Amino acid sequence: MGSLLSAVFLVGVGGGVLAVAWGGYRSGELPFGNSGFRAFRPTREDNPFAFYTALVLYLCCGFALAVWGLLLLLGMAPPLKLR
């Protein structure tokens, strides 16, 4: 039961990260931490290097989490240690 819950959690979080990446790619703006007291949201027009760096990071992390969850369902990855 614990590994099923872990797998659902990982696939869900990975899918959420990929959804944020897709929405940011379509709109041209990604949330990416903070810069002082305001949110840092690089845009494709103003700061393309930061935008595409954030996009690649979102995509890699989202795919990694989703694949880890799927491998967990197949029994090929260690489950999360939930306490």
PDB file of N, CA and C in Angstrom:
ATOM      1  N   MET A   1       0.811  -1.194   0.000  1.00  0.00           N
ATOM      2  CA  MET A   1       0.000   0.000   0.000  1.00  0.00           C
ATOM      3  C   MET A   1       0.856   1.260   0.000  1.00  0.00           C
ATOM      4  N   GLY A   2       1.975   1.218   0.744  1.00  0.00           N
ATOM      5  CA  GLY A   2       2.845   2.385   0.811  1.00  0.00           C
ATOM      6  C   GLY A   2       3.491   2.715  -0.519  1.00  0.00           C
ATOM      7  N   SER A   3       3.865   1.683  -1.267  1.00  0.00           N
ATOM      8  CA  SER A   3       4.514   1.957  -2.547  1.00  0.00           C
ATOM      9  C   SER A   3       3.515   2.470  -3.582  1.00  0.00           C
ATOM     10  N   LEU A   4       2.265   2.028  -3.491  1.00  0.00           N
ATOM     11  CA  LEU A   4       1.244   2.548  -4.399  1.00  0.00           C
ATOM     12  C   LEU A   4       0.990   4.025  -4.127  1.00  0.00           C
ATOM     13  N   LEU A   5       0.919   4.376  -2.856  1.00  0.00           N
ATOM     14  CA  LEU A   5       0.733   5.781  -2.488  1.00  0.00           C
ATOM     15  C   LEU A   5       1.926   6.615  -2.940  1.00  0.00           C
ATOM     16  N   SER A   6       3.124   6.087  -2.774  1.00  0.00           N
ATOM     17  CA  SER A   6       4.332   6.798  -3.222  1.00  0.00           C
ATOM     18  C   SER A   6       4.320   6.988  -4.734  1.00  0.00           C
ATOM     19  N   ALA A   7       3.923   5.951  -5.465  1.00  0.00           N
ATOM     20  CA  ALA A   7       3.901   6.036  -6.922  1.00  0.00           C
ATOM     21  C   ALA A   7       2.886   7.061  -7.402  1.00  0.00           C
ATOM     22  N   VAL A   8       1.708   7.061  -6.799  1.00  0.00           N
ATOM     23  CA  VAL A   8       0.679   8.034  -7.181  1.00  0.00           C
ATOM     24  C   VAL A   8       1.150   9.451  -6.871  1.00  0.00           C
ATOM     25  N   PHE A   9       1.790   9.616  -5.717  1.00  0.00           N
ATOM     26  CA  PHE A   9       2.309  10.932  -5.337  1.00  0.00           C
ATOM     27  C   PHE A   9       3.361  11.415  -6.334  1.00  0.00           C
ATOM     28  N   LEU A  10       4.319  10.542  -6.675  1.00  0.00           N
ATOM     29  CA  LEU A  10       5.397  10.944  -7.585  1.00  0.00           C
ATOM     30  C   LEU A  10       4.877  11.255  -8.982  1.00  0.00           C
ATOM     31  N   VAL A  11       3.987  10.430  -9.486  1.00  0.00           N
ATOM     32  CA  VAL A  11       3.432  10.690 -10.823  1.00  0.00           C
ATOM     33  C   VAL A  11       2.607  11.978 -10.801  1.00  0.00           C
ATOM     34  N   GLY A  12       1.859  12.205  -9.729  1.00  0.00           N
ATOM     35  CA  GLY A  12       1.057  13.430  -9.626  1.00  0.00           C
ATOM     36  C   GLY A  12       1.906  14.687  -9.560  1.00  0.00           C
ATOM     37  N   VAL A  13       2.953  14.663  -8.734  1.00  0.00           N
ATOM     38  CA  VAL A  13       3.829  15.836  -8.628  1.00  0.00           C
ATOM     39  C   VAL A  13       4.584  16.050  -9.944  1.00  0.00           C
ATOM     40  N   GLY A  14       5.057  14.967 -10.541  1.00  0.00           N
ATOM     41  CA  GLY A  14       5.738  15.090 -11.834  1.00  0.00           C
ATOM     42  C   GLY A  14       4.823  15.664 -12.905  1.00  0.00           C
ATOM     43  N   GLY A  15       3.575  15.200 -12.931  1.00  0.00           N
ATOM     44  CA  GLY A  15       2.609  15.741 -13.883  1.00  0.00           C
ATOM     45  C   GLY A  15       2.303  17.202 -13.614  1.00  0.00           C
ATOM     46  N   GLY A  16       2.250  17.582 -12.344  1.00  0.00           N
ATOM     47  CA  GLY A  16       2.026  18.982 -11.996  1.00  0.00           C
ATOM     48  C   GLY A  16       3.164  19.878 -12.442  1.00  0.00           C
ATOM     49  N   VAL A  17       4.383  19.410 -12.253  1.00  0.00           N
ATOM     50  CA  VAL A  17       5.552  20.190 -12.693  1.00  0.00           C
ATOM     51  C   VAL A  17       5.547  20.324 -14.213  1.00  0.00           C
ATOM     52  N   LEU A  18       5.202  19.237 -14.911  1.00  0.00           N
ATOM     53  CA  LEU A  18       5.135  19.308 -16.373  1.00  0.00           C
ATOM     54  C   LEU A  18       4.006  20.224 -16.838  1.00  0.00           C
ATOM     55  N   ALA A  19       2.905  20.268 -16.093  1.00  0.00           N
ATOM     56  CA  ALA A  19       1.808  21.178 -16.443  1.00  0.00           C
ATOM     57  C   ALA A  19       2.229  22.640 -16.271  1.00  0.00           C
ATOM     58  N   VAL A  20       2.985  22.926 -15.216  1.00  0.00           N
ATOM     59  CA  VAL A  20       3.495  24.291 -15.025  1.00  0.00           C
ATOM     60  C   VAL A  20       4.451  24.653 -16.162  1.00  0.00           C
ATOM     61  N   ALA A  21       5.297  23.703 -16.562  1.00  0.00           N
ATOM     62  CA  ALA A  21       6.232  23.959 -17.666  1.00  0.00           C
ATOM     63  C   ALA A  21       5.476  24.221 -18.967  1.00  0.00           C
ATOM     64  N   TRP A  22       4.443  23.438 -19.236  1.00  0.00           N
ATOM     65  CA  TRP A  22       3.664  23.611 -20.465  1.00  0.00           C
ATOM     66  C   TRP A  22       2.942  24.959 -20.460  1.00  0.00           C
ATOM     67  N   GLY A  23       2.323  25.301 -19.340  1.00  0.00           N
ATOM     68  CA  GLY A  23       1.635  26.582 -19.245  1.00  0.00           C
ATOM     69  C   GLY A  23       2.591  27.758 -19.377  1.00  0.00           C
ATOM     70  N   GLY A  24       3.771  27.631 -18.787  1.00  0.00           N
ATOM     71  CA  GLY A  24       4.772  28.689 -18.909  1.00  0.00           C
ATOM     72  C   GLY A  24       5.305  28.814 -20.319  1.00  0.00           C
ATOM     73  N   TYR A  25       5.468  27.692 -20.999  1.00  0.00           N
ATOM     74  CA  TYR A  25       5.934  27.737 -22.386  1.00  0.00           C
ATOM     75  C   TYR A  25       4.904  28.422 -23.283  1.00  0.00           C
ATOM     76  N   ARG A  26       3.632  28.097 -23.048  1.00  0.00           N
ATOM     77  CA  ARG A  26       2.579  28.706 -23.867  1.00  0.00           C
ATOM     78  C   ARG A  26       2.428  30.201 -23.598  1.00  0.00           C
ATOM     79  N   SER A  27       2.551  30.597 -22.326  1.00  0.00           N
ATOM     80  CA  SER A  27       2.364  32.012 -21.996  1.00  0.00           C
ATOM     81  C   SER A  27       3.644  32.832 -22.173  1.00  0.00           C
ATOM     82  N   GLY A  28       4.804  32.168 -22.147  1.00  0.00           N
ATOM     83  CA  GLY A  28       6.064  32.890 -22.294  1.00  0.00           C
ATOM     84  C   GLY A  28       6.625  33.401 -20.990  1.00  0.00           C
ATOM     85  N   GLU A  29       6.101  32.910 -19.854  1.00  0.00           N
ATOM     86  CA  GLU A  29       6.560  33.370 -18.539  1.00  0.00           C
ATOM     87  C   GLU A  29       6.476  32.207 -17.556  1.00  0.00           C
ATOM     88  N   LEU A  30       7.566  31.986 -16.799  1.00  0.00           N
ATOM     89  CA  LEU A  30       7.622  30.888 -15.834  1.00  0.00           C
ATOM     90  C   LEU A  30       7.897  31.418 -14.430  1.00  0.00           C
ATOM     91  N   PRO A  31       7.209  30.880 -13.415  1.00  0.00           N
ATOM     92  CA  PRO A  31       7.582  31.219 -12.038  1.00  0.00           C
ATOM     93  C   PRO A  31       8.873  30.485 -11.681  1.00  0.00           C
ATOM     94  N   PHE A  32       9.826  31.207 -11.114  1.00  0.00           N
ATOM     95  CA  PHE A  32      11.137  30.589 -10.875  1.00  0.00           C
ATOM     96  C   PHE A  32      11.806  31.227  -9.672  1.00  0.00           C
ATOM     97  N   GLY A  33      11.236  31.003  -8.494  1.00  0.00           N
ATOM     98  CA  GLY A  33      11.856  31.514  -7.273  1.00  0.00           C
ATOM     99  C   GLY A  33      11.518  32.968  -7.025  1.00  0.00           C
ATOM    100  N   ASN A  34      12.386  33.617  -6.230  1.00  0.00           N
ATOM    101  CA  ASN A  34      12.149  35.022  -5.940  1.00  0.00           C
ATOM    102  C   ASN A  34      13.431  35.817  -6.132  1.00  0.00           C
ATOM    103  N   SER A  35      13.244  37.099  -6.314  1.00  0.00           N
ATOM    104  CA  SER A  35      14.352  38.026  -6.492  1.00  0.00           C
ATOM    105  C   SER A  35      14.141  39.157  -5.495  1.00  0.00           C
ATOM    106  N   GLY A  36      14.701  38.980  -4.311  1.00  0.00           N
ATOM    107  CA  GLY A  36      14.464  39.968  -3.265  1.00  0.00           C
ATOM    108  C   GLY A  36      13.098  39.750  -2.645  1.00  0.00           C
ATOM    109  N   PHE A  37      12.238  40.766  -2.738  1.00  0.00           N
ATOM    110  CA  PHE A  37      10.912  40.678  -2.137  1.00  0.00           C
ATOM    111  C   PHE A  37       9.813  40.425  -3.163  1.00  0.00           C
ATOM    112  N   ARG A  38      10.156  40.156  -4.404  1.00  0.00           N
ATOM    113  CA  ARG A  38       9.136  39.888  -5.405  1.00  0.00           C
ATOM    114  C   ARG A  38       9.476  38.588  -6.131  1.00  0.00           C
ATOM    115  N   ALA A  39       8.480  38.007  -6.745  1.00  0.00           N
ATOM    116  CA  ALA A  39       8.670  36.744  -7.460  1.00  0.00           C
ATOM    117  C   ALA A  39       9.491  36.976  -8.723  1.00  0.00           C
ATOM    118  N   PHE A  40      10.390  36.047  -9.009  1.00  0.00           N
ATOM    119  CA  PHE A  40      11.182  36.109 -10.239  1.00  0.00           C
ATOM    120  C   PHE A  40      10.466  35.295 -11.297  1.00  0.00           C
ATOM    121  N   ARG A  41       9.997  35.947 -12.328  1.00  0.00           N
ATOM    122  CA  ARG A  41       9.266  35.300 -13.405  1.00  0.00           C
ATOM    123  C   ARG A  41       9.933  35.664 -14.732  1.00  0.00           C
ATOM    124  N   PRO A  42      10.939  34.873 -15.167  1.00  0.00           N
ATOM    125  CA  PRO A  42      11.600  35.199 -16.435  1.00  0.00           C
ATOM    126  C   PRO A  42      10.632  35.039 -17.611  1.00  0.00           C
ATOM    127  N   THR A  43      10.740  35.965 -18.542  1.00  0.00           N
ATOM    128  CA  THR A  43       9.902  35.902 -19.740  1.00  0.00           C
ATOM    129  C   THR A  43      10.775  35.585 -20.940  1.00  0.00           C
ATOM    130  N   ARG A  44      10.132  35.080 -21.958  1.00  0.00           N
ATOM    131  CA  ARG A  44      10.835  34.705 -23.176  1.00  0.00           C
ATOM    132  C   ARG A  44      11.425  35.926 -23.873  1.00  0.00           C
ATOM    133  N   GLU A  45      10.750  37.070 -23.794  1.00  0.00           N
ATOM    134  CA  GLU A  45      11.214  38.272 -24.493  1.00  0.00           C
ATOM    135  C   GLU A  45      12.286  39.024 -23.701  1.00  0.00           C
ATOM    136  N   ASP A  46      12.085  39.172 -22.386  1.00  0.00           N
ATOM    137  CA  ASP A  46      13.006  39.987 -21.583  1.00  0.00           C
ATOM    138  C   ASP A  46      14.284  39.253 -21.214  1.00  0.00           C
ATOM    139  N   ASN A  47      14.181  37.979 -20.859  1.00  0.00           N
ATOM    140  CA  ASN A  47      15.347  37.225 -20.397  1.00  0.00           C
ATOM    141  C   ASN A  47      15.276  35.795 -20.944  1.00  0.00           C
ATOM    142  N   PRO A  48      15.600  35.602 -22.222  1.00  0.00           N
ATOM    143  CA  PRO A  48      15.432  34.277 -22.822  1.00  0.00           C
ATOM    144  C   PRO A  48      16.330  33.205 -22.203  1.00  0.00           C
ATOM    145  N   PHE A  49      17.542  33.565 -21.765  1.00  0.00           N
ATOM    146  CA  PHE A  49      18.419  32.557 -21.169  1.00  0.00           C
ATOM    147  C   PHE A  49      17.820  32.000 -19.883  1.00  0.00           C
ATOM    148  N   ALA A  50      17.341  32.872 -19.005  1.00  0.00           N
ATOM    149  CA  ALA A  50      16.729  32.423 -17.752  1.00  0.00           C
ATOM    150  C   ALA A  50      15.438  31.659 -18.022  1.00  0.00           C
ATOM    151  N   PHE A  51      14.655  32.097 -19.010  1.00  0.00           N
ATOM    152  CA  PHE A  51      13.407  31.418 -19.335  1.00  0.00           C
ATOM    153  C   PHE A  51      13.663  29.988 -19.795  1.00  0.00           C
ATOM    154  N   TYR A  52      14.575  29.822 -20.746  1.00  0.00           N
ATOM    155  CA  TYR A  52      14.819  28.467 -21.262  1.00  0.00           C
ATOM    156  C   TYR A  52      15.572  27.600 -20.259  1.00  0.00           C
ATOM    157  N   THR A  53      16.390  28.206 -19.401  1.00  0.00           N
ATOM    158  CA  THR A  53      17.029  27.442 -18.326  1.00  0.00           C
ATOM    159  C   THR A  53      15.976  26.919 -17.358  1.00  0.00           C
ATOM    160  N   ALA A  54      15.041  27.768 -16.964  1.00  0.00           N
ATOM    161  CA  ALA A  54      13.968  27.350 -16.066  1.00  0.00           C
ATOM    162  C   ALA A  54      13.092  26.293 -16.725  1.00  0.00           C
ATOM    163  N   LEU A  55      12.805  26.460 -18.006  1.00  0.00           N
ATOM    164  CA  LEU A  55      11.974  25.500 -18.725  1.00  0.00           C
ATOM    165  C   LEU A  55      12.634  24.127 -18.776  1.00  0.00           C
ATOM    166  N   VAL A  56      13.914  24.083 -19.067  1.00  0.00           N
ATOM    167  CA  VAL A  56      14.628  22.804 -19.109  1.00  0.00           C
ATOM    168  C   VAL A  56      14.668  22.170 -17.726  1.00  0.00           C
ATOM    169  N   LEU A  57      14.863  22.973 -16.700  1.00  0.00           N
ATOM    170  CA  LEU A  57      14.872  22.443 -15.341  1.00  0.00           C
ATOM    171  C   LEU A  57      13.504  21.878 -14.960  1.00  0.00           C
ATOM    172  N   TYR A  58      12.434  22.598 -15.269  1.00  0.00           N
ATOM    173  CA  TYR A  58      11.087  22.098 -15.019  1.00  0.00           C
ATOM    174  C   TYR A  58      10.844  20.787 -15.766  1.00  0.00           C
ATOM    175  N   LEU A  59      11.218  20.728 -17.039  1.00  0.00           N
ATOM    176  CA  LEU A  59      10.978  19.519 -17.827  1.00  0.00           C
ATOM    177  C   LEU A  59      11.764  18.325 -17.300  1.00  0.00           C
ATOM    178  N   CYS A  60      13.028  18.530 -16.976  1.00  0.00           N
ATOM    179  CA  CYS A  60      13.849  17.425 -16.463  1.00  0.00           C
ATOM    180  C   CYS A  60      13.319  16.916 -15.126  1.00  0.00           C
ATOM    181  N   CYS A  61      12.978  17.818 -14.240  1.00  0.00           N
ATOM    182  CA  CYS A  61      12.467  17.401 -12.927  1.00  0.00           C
ATOM    183  C   CYS A  61      11.100  16.727 -13.055  1.00  0.00           C
ATOM    184  N   GLY A  62      10.240  17.257 -13.881  1.00  0.00           N
ATOM    185  CA  GLY A  62       8.916  16.660 -14.067  1.00  0.00           C
ATOM    186  C   GLY A  62       8.997  15.267 -14.653  1.00  0.00           C
ATOM    187  N   PHE A  63       9.818  15.096 -15.696  1.00  0.00           N
ATOM    188  CA  PHE A  63       9.972  13.768 -16.292  1.00  0.00           C
ATOM    189  C   PHE A  63      10.631  12.805 -15.316  1.00  0.00           C
ATOM    190  N   ALA A  64      11.610  13.266 -14.553  1.00  0.00           N
ATOM    191  CA  ALA A  64      12.292  12.393 -13.591  1.00  0.00           C
ATOM    192  C   ALA A  64      11.319  11.897 -12.526  1.00  0.00           C
ATOM    193  N   LEU A  65      10.499  12.780 -11.989  1.00  0.00           N
ATOM    194  CA  LEU A  65       9.534  12.372 -10.973  1.00  0.00           C
ATOM    195  C   LEU A  65       8.489  11.418 -11.543  1.00  0.00           C
ATOM    196  N   ALA A  66       7.987  11.711 -12.733  1.00  0.00           N
ATOM    197  CA  ALA A  66       6.975  10.845 -13.336  1.00  0.00           C
ATOM    198  C   ALA A  66       7.552   9.470 -13.668  1.00  0.00           C
ATOM    199  N   VAL A  67       8.759   9.417 -14.196  1.00  0.00           N
ATOM    200  CA  VAL A  67       9.378   8.126 -14.528  1.00  0.00           C
ATOM    201  C   VAL A  67       9.684   7.348 -13.256  1.00  0.00           C
ATOM    202  N   TRP A  68      10.138   8.021 -12.204  1.00  0.00           N
ATOM    203  CA  TRP A  68      10.390   7.344 -10.930  1.00  0.00           C
ATOM    204  C   TRP A  68       9.098   6.720 -10.394  1.00  0.00           C
ATOM    205  N   GLY A  69       7.998   7.450 -10.498  1.00  0.00           N
ATOM    206  CA  GLY A  69       6.713   6.910 -10.061  1.00  0.00           C
ATOM    207  C   GLY A  69       6.283   5.714 -10.875  1.00  0.00           C
ATOM    208  N   LEU A  70       6.487   5.771 -12.185  1.00  0.00           N
ATOM    209  CA  LEU A  70       6.124   4.632 -13.030  1.00  0.00           C
ATOM    210  C   LEU A  70       7.022   3.431 -12.766  1.00  0.00           C
ATOM    211  N   LEU A  71       8.312   3.670 -12.547  1.00  0.00           N
ATOM    212  CA  LEU A  71       9.204   2.563 -12.205  1.00  0.00           C
ATOM    213  C   LEU A  71       8.848   1.968 -10.849  1.00  0.00           C
ATOM    214  N   LEU A  72       8.381   2.796  -9.957  1.00  0.00           N
ATOM    215  CA  LEU A  72       7.952   2.308  -8.652  1.00  0.00           C
ATOM    216  C   LEU A  72       6.736   1.395  -8.793  1.00  0.00           C
ATOM    217  N   LEU A  73       5.819   1.754  -9.682  1.00  0.00           N
ATOM    218  CA  LEU A  73       4.664   0.892  -9.934  1.00  0.00           C
ATOM    219  C   LEU A  73       5.077  -0.459 -10.495  1.00  0.00           C
ATOM    220  N   LEU A  74       6.134  -0.481 -11.285  1.00  0.00           N
ATOM    221  CA  LEU A  74       6.610  -1.731 -11.879  1.00  0.00           C
ATOM    222  C   LEU A  74       7.515  -2.525 -10.935  1.00  0.00           C
ATOM    223  N   GLY A  75       7.841  -1.944  -9.785  1.00  0.00           N
ATOM    224  CA  GLY A  75       8.694  -2.625  -8.824  1.00  0.00           C
ATOM    225  C   GLY A  75      10.169  -2.532  -9.143  1.00  0.00           C
ATOM    226  N   MET A  76      10.558  -1.552  -9.932  1.00  0.00           N
ATOM    227  CA  MET A  76      11.954  -1.427 -10.349  1.00  0.00           C
ATOM    228  C   MET A  76      12.670  -0.265  -9.668  1.00  0.00           C
ATOM    229  N   ALA A  77      12.013   0.401  -8.726  1.00  0.00           N
ATOM    230  CA  ALA A  77      12.622   1.534  -8.024  1.00  0.00           C
ATOM    231  C   ALA A  77      12.260   1.440  -6.545  1.00  0.00           C
ATOM    232  N   PRO A  78      13.120   1.998  -5.680  1.00  0.00           N
ATOM    233  CA  PRO A  78      12.805   1.942  -4.246  1.00  0.00           C
ATOM    234  C   PRO A  78      11.679   2.916  -3.903  1.00  0.00           C
ATOM    235  N   PRO A  79      10.794   2.526  -2.992  1.00  0.00           N
ATOM    236  CA  PRO A  79       9.708   3.431  -2.626  1.00  0.00           C
ATOM    237  C   PRO A  79      10.196   4.577  -1.746  1.00  0.00           C
ATOM    238  N   LEU A  80       9.385   5.612  -1.647  1.00  0.00           N
ATOM    239  CA  LEU A  80       9.667   6.713  -0.746  1.00  0.00           C
ATOM    240  C   LEU A  80       9.518   6.219   0.692  1.00  0.00           C
ATOM    241  N   LYS A  81      10.323   6.744   1.580  1.00  0.00           N
ATOM    242  CA  LYS A  81      10.229   6.361   2.985  1.00  0.00           C
ATOM    243  C   LYS A  81       9.268   7.324   3.678  1.00  0.00           C
ATOM    244  N   LEU A  82       8.005   6.954   3.669  1.00  0.00           N
ATOM    245  CA  LEU A  82       6.971   7.784   4.295  1.00  0.00           C
ATOM    246  C   LEU A  82       6.824   7.375   5.750  1.00  0.00           C
ATOM    247  N   ARG A  83       6.813   8.344   6.630  1.00  0.00           N
ATOM    248  CA  ARG A  83       6.644   8.052   8.063  1.00  0.00           C
ATOM    249  C   ARG A  83       5.509   8.843   8.616  1.00  0.00           C
TER     250      ARG A  83
END
